[in-house]
Amino acid sequence: MTLSPQLPSVDFSRIGPAVGARFPDVRLPDQTGRLVDLHTERGARRALVVVYRSARW
């Protein structure tokens, strides 16, 4: 029987931007491959950014 090493505890509330903080300037491809600048595209409107990482790497 092989024991797995214990992973360190991670406080996810300290990772990434804080709630309400300005999101970093990014340019990412949309579903058609066109580069989109988040701040330019949305103007003064708010945005919800969802990062999805599949289980298949």
PDB file of N, CA and C in Angstrom:
ATOM      1  N   MET A   1       0.842  -1.174   0.000  1.00  0.00           N
ATOM      2  CA  MET A   1       0.000   0.000   0.000  1.00  0.00           C
ATOM      3  C   MET A   1       0.887   1.236   0.000  1.00  0.00           C
ATOM      4  N   THR A   2       0.655   2.145  -0.953  1.00  0.00           N
ATOM      5  CA  THR A   2       1.433   3.376  -1.052  1.00  0.00           C
ATOM      6  C   THR A   2       0.621   4.539  -0.506  1.00  0.00           C
ATOM      7  N   LEU A   3       1.233   5.314   0.373  1.00  0.00           N
ATOM      8  CA  LEU A   3       0.549   6.476   0.923  1.00  0.00           C
ATOM      9  C   LEU A   3       0.838   7.699   0.072  1.00  0.00           C
ATOM     10  N   SER A   4      -0.176   8.500  -0.176  1.00  0.00           N
ATOM     11  CA  SER A   4       0.000   9.743  -0.925  1.00  0.00           C
ATOM     12  C   SER A   4       0.505  10.825   0.011  1.00  0.00           C
ATOM     13  N   PRO A   5       1.412  11.671  -0.477  1.00  0.00           N
ATOM     14  CA  PRO A   5       1.856  12.775   0.374  1.00  0.00           C
ATOM     15  C   PRO A   5       0.700  13.754   0.595  1.00  0.00           C
ATOM     16  N   GLN A   6       0.637  14.349   1.762  1.00  0.00           N
ATOM     17  CA  GLN A   6      -0.421  15.308   2.070  1.00  0.00           C
ATOM     18  C   GLN A   6      -0.132  16.624   1.354  1.00  0.00           C
ATOM     19  N   LEU A   7      -1.131  17.141   0.652  1.00  0.00           N
ATOM     20  CA  LEU A   7      -0.982  18.416  -0.026  1.00  0.00           C
ATOM     21  C   LEU A   7      -1.102  19.550   0.982  1.00  0.00           C
ATOM     22  N   PRO A   8      -0.372  20.647   0.752  1.00  0.00           N
ATOM     23  CA  PRO A   8      -0.462  21.772   1.681  1.00  0.00           C
ATOM     24  C   PRO A   8      -1.838  22.427   1.608  1.00  0.00           C
ATOM     25  N   SER A   9      -2.266  22.995   2.698  1.00  0.00           N
ATOM     26  CA  SER A   9      -3.534  23.709   2.749  1.00  0.00           C
ATOM     27  C   SER A   9      -3.384  25.035   2.004  1.00  0.00           C
ATOM     28  N   VAL A  10      -4.388  25.394   1.201  1.00  0.00           N
ATOM     29  CA  VAL A  10      -4.346  26.626   0.418  1.00  0.00           C
ATOM     30  C   VAL A  10      -5.543  27.489   0.800  1.00  0.00           C
ATOM     31  N   ASP A  11      -5.283  28.754   1.128  1.00  0.00           N
ATOM     32  CA  ASP A  11      -6.354  29.705   1.421  1.00  0.00           C
ATOM     33  C   ASP A  11      -6.720  30.397   0.116  1.00  0.00           C
ATOM     34  N   PHE A  12      -7.771  29.918  -0.553  1.00  0.00           N
ATOM     35  CA  PHE A  12      -8.145  30.429  -1.860  1.00  0.00           C
ATOM     36  C   PHE A  12      -8.658  31.866  -1.813  1.00  0.00           C
ATOM     37  N   SER A  13      -9.035  32.360  -0.645  1.00  0.00           N
ATOM     38  CA  SER A  13      -9.505  33.745  -0.550  1.00  0.00           C
ATOM     39  C   SER A  13      -8.366  34.733  -0.739  1.00  0.00           C
ATOM     40  N   ARG A  14      -7.122  34.279  -0.676  1.00  0.00           N
ATOM     41  CA  ARG A  14      -5.965  35.165  -0.829  1.00  0.00           C
ATOM     42  C   ARG A  14      -5.330  35.076  -2.228  1.00  0.00           C
ATOM     43  N   ILE A  15      -5.946  34.305  -3.119  1.00  0.00           N
ATOM     44  CA  ILE A  15      -5.406  34.120  -4.462  1.00  0.00           C
ATOM     45  C   ILE A  15      -6.247  34.927  -5.452  1.00  0.00           C
ATOM     46  N   GLY A  16      -5.593  35.661  -6.335  1.00  0.00           N
ATOM     47  CA  GLY A  16      -6.293  36.404  -7.372  1.00  0.00           C
ATOM     48  C   GLY A  16      -6.801  37.745  -6.890  1.00  0.00           C
ATOM     49  N   PRO A  17      -7.501  38.451  -7.780  1.00  0.00           N
ATOM     50  CA  PRO A  17      -8.020  39.779  -7.433  1.00  0.00           C
ATOM     51  C   PRO A  17      -9.105  39.679  -6.361  1.00  0.00           C
ATOM     52  N   ALA A  18      -9.215  40.711  -5.554  1.00  0.00           N
ATOM     53  CA  ALA A  18     -10.265  40.765  -4.534  1.00  0.00           C
ATOM     54  C   ALA A  18     -11.597  41.071  -5.199  1.00  0.00           C
ATOM     55  N   VAL A  19     -12.682  40.712  -4.539  1.00  0.00           N
ATOM     56  CA  VAL A  19     -14.007  41.027  -5.047  1.00  0.00           C
ATOM     57  C   VAL A  19     -14.125  42.540  -5.174  1.00  0.00           C
ATOM     58  N   GLY A  20     -14.539  43.005  -6.342  1.00  0.00           N
ATOM     59  CA  GLY A  20     -14.694  44.428  -6.588  1.00  0.00           C
ATOM     60  C   GLY A  20     -13.445  45.115  -7.118  1.00  0.00           C
ATOM     61  N   ALA A  21     -12.307  44.420  -7.110  1.00  0.00           N
ATOM     62  CA  ALA A  21     -11.064  45.006  -7.616  1.00  0.00           C
ATOM     63  C   ALA A  21     -11.087  45.015  -9.143  1.00  0.00           C
ATOM     64  N   ARG A  22     -10.357  45.949  -9.734  1.00  0.00           N
ATOM     65  CA  ARG A  22     -10.268  46.012 -11.193  1.00  0.00           C
ATOM     66  C   ARG A  22      -9.543  44.766 -11.701  1.00  0.00           C
ATOM     67  N   PHE A  23     -10.139  44.126 -12.687  1.00  0.00           N
ATOM     68  CA  PHE A  23      -9.545  42.925 -13.274  1.00  0.00           C
ATOM     69  C   PHE A  23      -8.343  43.347 -14.119  1.00  0.00           C
ATOM     70  N   PRO A  24      -7.288  42.576 -14.137  1.00  0.00           N
ATOM     71  CA  PRO A  24      -6.112  42.934 -14.948  1.00  0.00           C
ATOM     72  C   PRO A  24      -6.470  43.081 -16.427  1.00  0.00           C
ATOM     73  N   ASP A  25      -5.719  43.922 -17.133  1.00  0.00           N
ATOM     74  CA  ASP A  25      -5.930  44.082 -18.573  1.00  0.00           C
ATOM     75  C   ASP A  25      -5.540  42.786 -19.272  1.00  0.00           C
ATOM     76  N   VAL A  26      -6.470  42.228 -20.019  1.00  0.00           N
ATOM     77  CA  VAL A  26      -6.211  40.972 -20.725  1.00  0.00           C
ATOM     78  C   VAL A  26      -6.797  41.041 -22.129  1.00  0.00           C
ATOM     79  N   ARG A  27      -6.167  40.335 -23.046  1.00  0.00           N
ATOM     80  CA  ARG A  27      -6.688  40.108 -24.394  1.00  0.00           C
ATOM     81  C   ARG A  27      -6.712  38.607 -24.599  1.00  0.00           C
ATOM     82  N   LEU A  28      -7.913  38.084 -24.795  1.00  0.00           N
ATOM     83  CA  LEU A  28      -8.078  36.646 -24.952  1.00  0.00           C
ATOM     84  C   LEU A  28      -8.949  36.364 -26.166  1.00  0.00           C
ATOM     85  N   PRO A  29      -8.796  35.182 -26.774  1.00  0.00           N
ATOM     86  CA  PRO A  29      -9.631  34.841 -27.931  1.00  0.00           C
ATOM     87  C   PRO A  29     -11.057  34.493 -27.502  1.00  0.00           C
ATOM     88  N   ASP A  30     -12.030  34.930 -28.325  1.00  0.00           N
ATOM     89  CA  ASP A  30     -13.411  34.524 -28.077  1.00  0.00           C
ATOM     90  C   ASP A  30     -13.652  33.170 -28.748  1.00  0.00           C
ATOM     91  N   GLN A  31     -14.907  32.750 -28.805  1.00  0.00           N
ATOM     92  CA  GLN A  31     -15.219  31.422 -29.345  1.00  0.00           C
ATOM     93  C   GLN A  31     -14.907  31.279 -30.825  1.00  0.00           C
ATOM     94  N   THR A  32     -14.709  32.411 -31.539  1.00  0.00           N
ATOM     95  CA  THR A  32     -14.371  32.340 -32.960  1.00  0.00           C
ATOM     96  C   THR A  32     -12.885  32.556 -33.215  1.00  0.00           C
ATOM     97  N   GLY A  33     -12.118  32.825 -32.147  1.00  0.00           N
ATOM     98  CA  GLY A  33     -10.687  33.036 -32.284  1.00  0.00           C
ATOM     99  C   GLY A  33     -10.279  34.496 -32.372  1.00  0.00           C
ATOM    100  N   ARG A  34     -11.261  35.423 -32.419  1.00  0.00           N
ATOM    101  CA  ARG A  34     -10.967  36.855 -32.476  1.00  0.00           C
ATOM    102  C   ARG A  34     -10.488  37.326 -31.111  1.00  0.00           C
ATOM    103  N   LEU A  35      -9.364  38.084 -31.076  1.00  0.00           N
ATOM    104  CA  LEU A  35      -8.854  38.598 -29.802  1.00  0.00           C
ATOM    105  C   LEU A  35      -9.771  39.693 -29.279  1.00  0.00           C
ATOM    106  N   VAL A  36     -10.122  39.585 -28.020  1.00  0.00           N
ATOM    107  CA  VAL A  36     -11.024  40.528 -27.374  1.00  0.00           C
ATOM    108  C   VAL A  36     -10.305  41.139 -26.185  1.00  0.00           C
ATOM    109  N   ASP A  37     -10.318  42.474 -26.114  1.00  0.00           N
ATOM    110  CA  ASP A  37      -9.768  43.190 -24.963  1.00  0.00           C
ATOM    111  C   ASP A  37     -10.925  43.409 -23.993  1.00  0.00           C
ATOM    112  N   LEU A  38     -10.830  42.844 -22.814  1.00  0.00           N
ATOM    113  CA  LEU A  38     -11.933  42.864 -21.857  1.00  0.00           C
ATOM    114  C   LEU A  38     -12.412  44.282 -21.556  1.00  0.00           C
ATOM    115  N   HIS A  39     -11.515  45.195 -21.234  1.00  0.00           N
ATOM    116  CA  HIS A  39     -11.912  46.536 -20.824  1.00  0.00           C
ATOM    117  C   HIS A  39     -12.444  47.362 -21.992  1.00  0.00           C
ATOM    118  N   THR A  40     -11.902  47.187 -23.177  1.00  0.00           N
ATOM    119  CA  THR A  40     -12.372  47.927 -24.346  1.00  0.00           C
ATOM    120  C   THR A  40     -13.755  47.455 -24.763  1.00  0.00           C
ATOM    121  N   GLU A  41     -13.978  46.158 -24.784  1.00  0.00           N
ATOM    122  CA  GLU A  41     -15.246  45.593 -25.244  1.00  0.00           C
ATOM    123  C   GLU A  41     -16.412  45.936 -24.327  1.00  0.00           C
ATOM    124  N   ARG A  42     -16.191  45.937 -23.041  1.00  0.00           N
ATOM    125  CA  ARG A  42     -17.310  46.136 -22.120  1.00  0.00           C
ATOM    126  C   ARG A  42     -17.564  47.585 -21.795  1.00  0.00           C
ATOM    127  N   GLY A  43     -16.617  48.492 -22.076  1.00  0.00           N
ATOM    128  CA  GLY A  43     -16.815  49.909 -21.777  1.00  0.00           C
ATOM    129  C   GLY A  43     -16.999  50.115 -20.283  1.00  0.00           C
ATOM    130  N   ALA A  44     -18.058  50.809 -19.899  1.00  0.00           N
ATOM    131  CA  ALA A  44     -18.319  51.092 -18.479  1.00  0.00           C
ATOM    132  C   ALA A  44     -19.194  50.020 -17.836  1.00  0.00           C
ATOM    133  N   ARG A  45     -19.612  49.024 -18.625  1.00  0.00           N
ATOM    134  CA  ARG A  45     -20.479  47.972 -18.070  1.00  0.00           C
ATOM    135  C   ARG A  45     -19.667  47.026 -17.198  1.00  0.00           C
ATOM    136  N   ARG A  46     -20.326  46.395 -16.282  1.00  0.00           N
ATOM    137  CA  ARG A  46     -19.674  45.401 -15.425  1.00  0.00           C
ATOM    138  C   ARG A  46     -19.536  44.092 -16.175  1.00  0.00           C
ATOM    139  N   ALA A  47     -18.629  43.255 -15.703  1.00  0.00           N
ATOM    140  CA  ALA A  47     -18.420  41.961 -16.348  1.00  0.00           C
ATOM    141  C   ALA A  47     -18.254  40.880 -15.290  1.00  0.00           C
ATOM    142  N   LEU A  48     -18.680  39.703 -15.633  1.00  0.00           N
ATOM    143  CA  LEU A  48     -18.453  38.531 -14.803  1.00  0.00           C
ATOM    144  C   LEU A  48     -17.460  37.663 -15.549  1.00  0.00           C
ATOM    145  N   VAL A  49     -16.327  37.385 -14.935  1.00  0.00           N
ATOM    146  CA  VAL A  49     -15.294  36.579 -15.576  1.00  0.00           C
ATOM    147  C   VAL A  49     -15.312  35.192 -14.937  1.00  0.00           C
ATOM    148  N   VAL A  50     -15.516  34.181 -15.768  1.00  0.00           N
ATOM    149  CA  VAL A  50     -15.541  32.801 -15.298  1.00  0.00           C
ATOM    150  C   VAL A  50     -14.362  32.078 -15.926  1.00  0.00           C
ATOM    151  N   VAL A  51     -13.523  31.484 -15.087  1.00  0.00           N
ATOM    152  CA  VAL A  51     -12.382  30.715 -15.575  1.00  0.00           C
ATOM    153  C   VAL A  51     -12.711  29.242 -15.385  1.00  0.00           C
ATOM    154  N   TYR A  52     -12.699  28.528 -16.465  1.00  0.00           N
ATOM    155  CA  TYR A  52     -13.052  27.101 -16.439  1.00  0.00           C
ATOM    156  C   TYR A  52     -11.840  26.292 -16.861  1.00  0.00           C
ATOM    157  N   ARG A  53     -11.474  25.383 -16.040  1.00  0.00           N
ATOM    158  CA  ARG A  53     -10.362  24.495 -16.380  1.00  0.00           C
ATOM    159  C   ARG A  53     -10.901  23.075 -16.378  1.00  0.00           C
ATOM    160  N   SER A  54     -10.832  22.448 -17.512  1.00  0.00           N
ATOM    161  CA  SER A  54     -11.380  21.096 -17.609  1.00  0.00           C
ATOM    162  C   SER A  54     -10.497  20.126 -16.835  1.00  0.00           C
ATOM    163  N   ALA A  55     -11.053  18.989 -16.568  1.00  0.00           N
ATOM    164  CA  ALA A  55     -10.305  17.959 -15.848  1.00  0.00           C
ATOM    165  C   ALA A  55      -9.298  17.270 -16.773  1.00  0.00           C
ATOM    166  N   ARG A  56      -9.437  17.511 -18.066  1.00  0.00           N
ATOM    167  CA  ARG A  56      -8.531  16.891 -19.035  1.00  0.00           C
ATOM    168  C   ARG A  56      -7.463  17.904 -19.444  1.00  0.00           C
ATOM    169  N   TRP A  57      -6.224  17.684 -19.099  1.00  0.00           N
ATOM    170  CA  TRP A  57      -5.147  18.636 -19.329  1.00  0.00           C
ATOM    171  C   TRP A  57      -4.385  18.193 -20.519  1.00  0.00           C
TER     172      TRP A  57
END
